[in-house]
C-alpha atoms as a PDB file:
ATOM      1  CA  LYS A   1     -38.137  15.058 -11.392  1.00  0.00           C
ATOM      2  CA  ARG A   2     -35.675  13.995  -8.710  1.00  0.00           C
ATOM      3  CA  ALA A   3     -32.158  12.640  -8.624  1.00  0.00           C
ATOM      4  CA  VAL A   4     -30.089  10.387  -6.387  1.00  0.00           C
ATOM      5  CA  MET A   5     -26.340  10.112  -6.732  1.00  0.00           C
ATOM      6  CA  MET A   6     -24.786   7.244  -4.794  1.00  0.00           C
ATOM      7  CA  SER A   7     -21.112   6.650  -4.210  1.00  0.00           C
ATOM      8  CA  ILE A   8     -20.030   9.524  -6.407  1.00  0.00           C
ATOM      9  CA  PRO A   9     -16.328   9.211  -7.122  1.00  0.00           C
ATOM     10  CA  PHE A  10     -14.747  12.613  -6.650  1.00  0.00           C
ATOM     11  CA  VAL A  11     -12.133  11.769  -9.222  1.00  0.00           C
ATOM     12  CA  ASP A  12     -11.930  13.175 -12.705  1.00  0.00           C
ATOM     13  CA  HIS A  13     -14.172  11.455 -15.230  1.00  0.00           C
ATOM     14  CA  LYS A  14     -12.764   9.820 -18.322  1.00  0.00           C
ATOM     15  CA  SER A  15     -12.472  11.559 -21.652  1.00  0.00           C
ATOM     16  CA  PRO A  16     -14.375   9.959 -24.566  1.00  0.00           C
ATOM     17  CA  ALA A  17     -11.072   8.511 -25.841  1.00  0.00           C
ATOM     18  CA  GLN A  18     -10.322   6.960 -22.431  1.00  0.00           C
ATOM     19  CA  ALA A  19     -13.835   5.494 -22.187  1.00  0.00           C
ATOM     20  CA  LEU A  20     -13.500   3.961 -25.654  1.00  0.00           C
ATOM     21  CA  GLN A  21     -10.044   2.629 -24.786  1.00  0.00           C
ATOM     22  CA  LEU A  22     -11.365   0.932 -21.630  1.00  0.00           C
ATOM     23  CA  SER A  23     -14.374  -0.550 -23.437  1.00  0.00           C
ATOM     24  CA  ALA A  24     -12.111  -1.935 -26.192  1.00  0.00           C
ATOM     25  CA  VAL A  25      -9.813  -3.591 -23.642  1.00  0.00           C
ATOM     26  CA  VAL A  26     -12.742  -5.093 -21.715  1.00  0.00           C
ATOM     27  CA  ALA A  27     -14.356  -6.213 -24.988  1.00  0.00           C
ATOM     28  CA  GLY A  28     -11.146  -8.004 -25.924  1.00  0.00           C
ATOM     29  CA  HIS A  29     -11.102  -9.855 -22.600  1.00  0.00           C
ATOM     30  CA  LEU A  30     -14.718 -10.913 -23.234  1.00  0.00           C
ATOM     31  CA  ASN A  31     -13.935 -12.007 -26.806  1.00  0.00           C
ATOM     32  CA  CYS A  32     -16.323  -9.313 -28.032  1.00  0.00           C
ATOM     33  CA  THR A  33     -15.777  -6.519 -30.493  1.00  0.00           C
ATOM     34  CA  ALA A  34     -15.890  -2.992 -29.090  1.00  0.00           C
ATOM     35  CA  GLY A  35     -19.416  -1.608 -29.179  1.00  0.00           C
ATOM     36  CA  ASN A  36     -21.085  -5.006 -29.609  1.00  0.00           C
ATOM     37  CA  MET A  37     -23.617  -4.679 -26.791  1.00  0.00           C
ATOM     38  CA  THR A  38     -25.280  -8.000 -27.654  1.00  0.00           C
ATOM     39  CA  CYS A  39     -21.976  -9.748 -26.901  1.00  0.00           C
ATOM     40  CA  PHE A  40     -21.419  -7.694 -23.717  1.00  0.00           C
ATOM     41  CA  ARG A  41     -24.927  -8.499 -22.452  1.00  0.00           C
ATOM     42  CA  ALA A  42     -24.444 -12.210 -23.154  1.00  0.00           C
ATOM     43  CA  ALA A  43     -21.431 -12.339 -20.828  1.00  0.00           C
ATOM     44  CA  GLU A  44     -21.916 -13.750 -17.338  1.00  0.00           C
ATOM     45  CA  PRO A  45     -21.398 -11.278 -14.455  1.00  0.00           C
ATOM     46  CA  HIS A  46     -18.286 -13.122 -13.230  1.00  0.00           C
ATOM     47  CA  GLU A  47     -16.820 -12.874 -16.756  1.00  0.00           C
ATOM     48  CA  VAL A  48     -17.385  -9.100 -16.819  1.00  0.00           C
ATOM     49  CA  ILE A  49     -15.767  -8.703 -13.388  1.00  0.00           C
ATOM     50  CA  LYS A  50     -12.784 -10.779 -14.487  1.00  0.00           C
ATOM     51  CA  ALA A  51     -12.492  -8.764 -17.732  1.00  0.00           C
ATOM     52  CA  GLN A  52     -12.578  -5.430 -15.893  1.00  0.00           C
ATOM     53  CA  ASP A  53      -9.997  -6.661 -13.377  1.00  0.00           C
ATOM     54  CA  HIS A  54      -7.697  -7.738 -16.207  1.00  0.00           C
ATOM     55  CA  SER A  55      -8.155  -4.396 -17.966  1.00  0.00           C
ATOM     56  CA  GLN A  56      -6.383  -2.440 -15.207  1.00  0.00           C
ATOM     57  CA  PRO A  57      -4.707  -0.129 -15.770  1.00  0.00           C
ATOM     58  CA  SER A  58      -5.803   0.356 -19.373  1.00  0.00           C
ATOM     59  CA  ILE A  59      -5.366   4.127 -18.976  1.00  0.00           C
ATOM     60  CA  PRO A  60      -1.726   4.639 -18.006  1.00  0.00           C
ATOM     61  CA  SER A  61      -0.786   7.019 -15.187  1.00  0.00           C
ATOM     62  CA  ASP A  62      -4.355   7.444 -13.931  1.00  0.00           C
ATOM     63  CA  ILE A  63      -4.261   5.601 -10.610  1.00  0.00           C
ATOM     64  CA  PRO A  64      -7.764   6.545  -9.341  1.00  0.00           C
ATOM     65  CA  GLN A  65      -9.290   5.061 -12.503  1.00  0.00           C
ATOM     66  CA  GLU A  66      -7.813   1.698 -11.492  1.00  0.00           C
ATOM     67  CA  TYR A  67     -10.370   1.600  -8.672  1.00  0.00           C
ATOM     68  CA  VAL A  68     -13.274   3.350 -10.399  1.00  0.00           C
ATOM     69  CA  GLN A  69     -13.310   1.721 -13.823  1.00  0.00           C
ATOM     70  CA  TRP A  70     -16.908   2.387 -14.782  1.00  0.00           C
ATOM     71  CA  GLY A  71     -18.560   5.751 -14.509  1.00  0.00           C
ATOM     72  CA  PRO A  72     -19.564   8.805 -16.458  1.00  0.00           C
ATOM     73  CA  TYR A  73     -17.270  10.194 -19.082  1.00  0.00           C
ATOM     74  CA  VAL A  74     -17.046  13.725 -20.407  1.00  0.00           C
ATOM     75  CA  ASP A  75     -19.252  13.775 -23.497  1.00  0.00           C
ATOM     76  CA  GLY A  76     -19.559  17.563 -23.807  1.00  0.00           C
ATOM     77  CA  ASN A  77     -23.328  17.261 -23.720  1.00  0.00           C
ATOM     78  CA  ILE A  78     -24.548  15.805 -20.419  1.00  0.00           C
ATOM     79  CA  VAL A  79     -21.219  15.711 -18.579  1.00  0.00           C
ATOM     80  CA  LYS A  80     -19.409  18.882 -19.602  1.00  0.00           C
ATOM     81  CA  THR A  81     -16.398  18.766 -17.295  1.00  0.00           C
ATOM     82  CA  ALA A  82     -14.147  16.063 -15.929  1.00  0.00           C
ATOM     83  CA  ASN A  83     -14.548  17.226 -12.342  1.00  0.00           C
ATOM     84  CA  LEU A  84     -18.083  17.174 -10.931  1.00  0.00           C
ATOM     85  CA  GLN A  85     -16.966  19.149  -7.878  1.00  0.00           C
ATOM     86  CA  ASP A  86     -16.233  22.118 -10.155  1.00  0.00           C
ATOM     87  CA  MET A  87     -19.744  21.959 -11.605  1.00  0.00           C
ATOM     88  CA  PHE A  88     -21.342  21.926  -8.145  1.00  0.00           C
ATOM     89  CA  LEU A  89     -19.133  24.755  -6.879  1.00  0.00           C
ATOM     90  CA  GLN A  90     -20.062  26.859  -9.920  1.00  0.00           C
ATOM     91  CA  GLY A  91     -23.775  26.096  -9.505  1.00  0.00           C
ATOM     92  CA  LYS A  92     -23.888  24.285 -12.859  1.00  0.00           C
ATOM     93  CA  PHE A  93     -26.347  21.531 -12.090  1.00  0.00           C
ATOM     94  CA  GLN A  94     -30.059  20.963 -12.529  1.00  0.00           C
ATOM     95  CA  LYS A  95     -32.051  22.546  -9.726  1.00  0.00           C
ATOM     96  CA  LYS A  96     -34.181  19.669  -8.403  1.00  0.00           C
ATOM     97  CA  PRO A  97     -34.547  17.689  -5.203  1.00  0.00           C
ATOM     98  CA  PHE A  98     -31.238  15.899  -4.957  1.00  0.00           C
ATOM     99  CA  ILE A  99     -29.626  13.419  -2.586  1.00  0.00           C
ATOM    100  CA  ILE A 100     -25.933  12.621  -2.683  1.00  0.00           C
ATOM    101  CA  GLY A 101     -24.499   9.917  -0.518  1.00  0.00           C
ATOM    102  CA  THR A 102     -22.242   7.004   0.016  1.00  0.00           C
ATOM    103  CA  ALA A 103     -22.550   3.648   1.710  1.00  0.00           C
ATOM    104  CA  THR A 104     -20.851   2.874   5.020  1.00  0.00           C
ATOM    105  CA  HIS A 105     -18.549   0.246   3.531  1.00  0.00           C
ATOM    106  CA  ASP A 106     -18.139   1.826   0.092  1.00  0.00           C
ATOM    107  CA  ALA A 107     -14.343   1.721  -0.001  1.00  0.00           C
ATOM    108  CA  PHE A 108     -13.841  -1.716   1.565  1.00  0.00           C
ATOM    109  CA  PRO A 109     -13.301  -3.520  -1.768  1.00  0.00           C
ATOM    110  CA  ILE A 110     -10.726  -0.917  -2.794  1.00  0.00           C
ATOM    111  CA  ILE A 111      -8.895  -1.114   0.511  1.00  0.00           C
ATOM    112  CA  TYR A 112      -8.814  -4.909   0.676  1.00  0.00           C
ATOM    113  CA  GLN A 113      -7.887  -5.248  -2.995  1.00  0.00           C
ATOM    114  CA  SER A 114      -5.000  -2.782  -2.706  1.00  0.00           C
ATOM    115  CA  TRP A 115      -3.643  -3.505   0.736  1.00  0.00           C
ATOM    116  CA  ASN A 116      -4.019  -7.225   1.183  1.00  0.00           C
ATOM    117  CA  HIS A 117      -1.444  -7.686   3.915  1.00  0.00           C
ATOM    118  CA  ASN A 118      -1.852  -7.466   7.673  1.00  0.00           C
ATOM    119  CA  MET A 119      -1.215  -4.143   9.322  1.00  0.00           C
ATOM    120  CA  THR A 120       0.431  -4.175  12.711  1.00  0.00           C
ATOM    121  CA  LYS A 121       1.267  -1.520  15.220  1.00  0.00           C
ATOM    122  CA  PRO A 122       4.921  -0.430  15.269  1.00  0.00           C
END
């Protein structure tokens, strides 16, 4: 087996409580009940994007999560630590052919969403 990890956010992953909190907030914006995947799947993509945008910041004082809403959370089984860098540094990962990468313009949406004013030279 092989693995590819694209655009890995080197920010701490959510705890189970934080993941549930985010999903409940997004569900509310979609007029769904938390955990109702049939309702989530029935939503149009633009509705999901709008719901996630309106859910920020649902986890107070965690600024990086404002830009990386969806991702793995620490479940204690598959993801055992909040910081993937620690796992790699300690050699705690499956030994298999593995590619990790990022796209050239990966951060553009974050940059333009956060800093939407012109920058000029002093």
